[in-house]
C-alpha atoms as a PDB file:
ATOM      1  CA  UNK A   1     189.689 147.283 285.461  1.00  0.00           C
ATOM      2  CA  UNK A   2     187.529 144.108 284.809  1.00  0.00           C
ATOM      3  CA  UNK A   3     188.408 141.605 282.198  1.00  0.00           C
ATOM      4  CA  UNK A   4     186.072 138.429 281.219  1.00  0.00           C
ATOM      5  CA  UNK A   5     187.363 135.404 280.639  1.00  0.00           C
ATOM      6  CA  UNK A   6     185.070 132.904 278.915  1.00  0.00           C
ATOM      7  CA  UNK A   7     185.809 129.291 279.824  1.00  0.00           C
ATOM      8  CA  UNK A   8     183.068 127.073 278.786  1.00  0.00           C
ATOM      9  CA  UNK A   9     179.598 127.246 276.717  1.00  0.00           C
ATOM     10  CA  UNK A  10     176.702 124.340 276.868  1.00  0.00           C
ATOM     11  CA  UNK A  11     173.980 124.149 274.639  1.00  0.00           C
ATOM     12  CA  UNK A  12     170.691 123.514 276.177  1.00  0.00           C
ATOM     13  CA  UNK A  13     168.378 123.424 273.223  1.00  0.00           C
ATOM     14  CA  UNK A  14     166.706 126.930 273.477  1.00  0.00           C
ATOM     15  CA  UNK A  15     168.821 127.839 276.205  1.00  0.00           C
ATOM     16  CA  UNK A  16     172.830 128.229 276.565  1.00  0.00           C
ATOM     17  CA  UNK A  17     174.683 128.196 279.218  1.00  0.00           C
ATOM     18  CA  UNK A  18     178.369 129.903 279.929  1.00  0.00           C
ATOM     19  CA  UNK A  19     181.058 129.577 282.520  1.00  0.00           C
ATOM     20  CA  UNK A  20     183.323 132.488 282.557  1.00  0.00           C
ATOM     21  CA  UNK A  21     185.535 134.499 285.126  1.00  0.00           C
ATOM     22  CA  UNK A  22     185.671 137.840 285.946  1.00  0.00           C
ATOM     23  CA  UNK A  23     189.258 138.949 286.832  1.00  0.00           C
ATOM     24  CA  UNK A  24     189.694 142.611 288.368  1.00  0.00           C
ATOM     25  CA  UNK A  25     191.979 144.429 290.417  1.00  0.00           C
ATOM     26  CA  UNK A  26     191.199 146.092 293.781  1.00  0.00           C
ATOM     27  CA  UNK A  27     193.137 148.869 295.303  1.00  0.00           C
ATOM     28  CA  UNK A  28     193.137 146.846 298.760  1.00  0.00           C
ATOM     29  CA  UNK A  29     191.921 143.571 297.851  1.00  0.00           C
ATOM     30  CA  UNK A  30     194.257 142.845 294.933  1.00  0.00           C
ATOM     31  CA  UNK A  31     193.807 140.212 292.192  1.00  0.00           C
ATOM     32  CA  UNK A  32     190.481 139.007 292.337  1.00  0.00           C
ATOM     33  CA  UNK A  33     189.079 135.861 289.995  1.00  0.00           C
ATOM     34  CA  UNK A  34     184.983 135.206 290.629  1.00  0.00           C
ATOM     35  CA  UNK A  35     183.567 132.212 288.384  1.00  0.00           C
ATOM     36  CA  UNK A  36     180.212 133.026 287.013  1.00  0.00           C
ATOM     37  CA  UNK A  37     177.570 131.704 284.653  1.00  0.00           C
ATOM     38  CA  UNK A  38     175.505 133.217 281.997  1.00  0.00           C
ATOM     39  CA  UNK A  39     172.398 131.922 280.990  1.00  0.00           C
ATOM     40  CA  UNK A  40     170.540 132.853 277.862  1.00  0.00           C
ATOM     41  CA  UNK A  41     167.322 131.732 276.241  1.00  0.00           C
ATOM     42  CA  UNK A  42     166.670 132.203 272.698  1.00  0.00           C
ATOM     43  CA  UNK A  43     163.688 132.066 270.441  1.00  0.00           C
ATOM     44  CA  UNK A  44     163.901 132.758 266.513  1.00  0.00           C
ATOM     45  CA  UNK A  45     167.416 133.097 266.770  1.00  0.00           C
ATOM     46  CA  UNK A  46     167.079 136.136 269.530  1.00  0.00           C
ATOM     47  CA  UNK A  47     167.856 136.370 272.893  1.00  0.00           C
ATOM     48  CA  UNK A  48     164.745 137.288 274.759  1.00  0.00           C
ATOM     49  CA  UNK A  49     165.989 136.122 278.581  1.00  0.00           C
ATOM     50  CA  UNK A  50     169.358 136.738 279.997  1.00  0.00           C
ATOM     51  CA  UNK A  51     170.308 135.796 283.890  1.00  0.00           C
ATOM     52  CA  UNK A  52     173.494 136.077 285.444  1.00  0.00           C
ATOM     53  CA  UNK A  53     174.651 134.049 288.197  1.00  0.00           C
ATOM     54  CA  UNK A  54     177.233 135.221 290.702  1.00  0.00           C
ATOM     55  CA  UNK A  55     177.422 131.228 291.553  1.00  0.00           C
ATOM     56  CA  UNK A  56     177.627 128.830 288.977  1.00  0.00           C
ATOM     57  CA  UNK A  57     176.006 126.323 291.601  1.00  0.00           C
ATOM     58  CA  UNK A  58     173.154 128.590 291.251  1.00  0.00           C
ATOM     59  CA  UNK A  59     172.586 128.315 287.553  1.00  0.00           C
ATOM     60  CA  UNK A  60     173.082 124.577 287.820  1.00  0.00           C
ATOM     61  CA  UNK A  61     170.445 124.235 290.420  1.00  0.00           C
ATOM     62  CA  UNK A  62     168.062 126.108 288.322  1.00  0.00           C
ATOM     63  CA  UNK A  63     168.365 124.147 285.198  1.00  0.00           C
ATOM     64  CA  UNK A  64     168.350 120.768 287.152  1.00  0.00           C
ATOM     65  CA  UNK A  65     171.483 119.586 285.921  1.00  0.00           C
ATOM     66  CA  UNK A  66     174.806 118.445 287.164  1.00  0.00           C
ATOM     67  CA  UNK A  67     177.956 120.163 285.852  1.00  0.00           C
ATOM     68  CA  UNK A  68     179.162 116.672 284.662  1.00  0.00           C
ATOM     69  CA  UNK A  69     176.242 115.703 282.770  1.00  0.00           C
ATOM     70  CA  UNK A  70     176.928 119.009 280.397  1.00  0.00           C
ATOM     71  CA  UNK A  71     179.068 118.647 277.163  1.00  0.00           C
ATOM     72  CA  UNK A  72     180.897 121.728 276.298  1.00  0.00           C
ATOM     73  CA  UNK A  73     180.320 123.072 272.775  1.00  0.00           C
ATOM     74  CA  UNK A  74     182.760 125.258 270.430  1.00  0.00           C
ATOM     75  CA  UNK A  75     181.585 129.346 270.483  1.00  0.00           C
END
């Protein structure tokens, strides 16, 4: 079983960035927590692009922003 735990959302104009953690349990590895990021681009209120990142740093690099410059928003 995998569980998704949202941590933070960021409004970047026509894009939105979400930080979340995937929680799971492996038969051999036990409990696992993997922090990830999800980038969505919107146009006219519809999501037109969705990119999942296994590493948050990759999302921040692609966006050209530093994590400490982002202001979280309420979902």
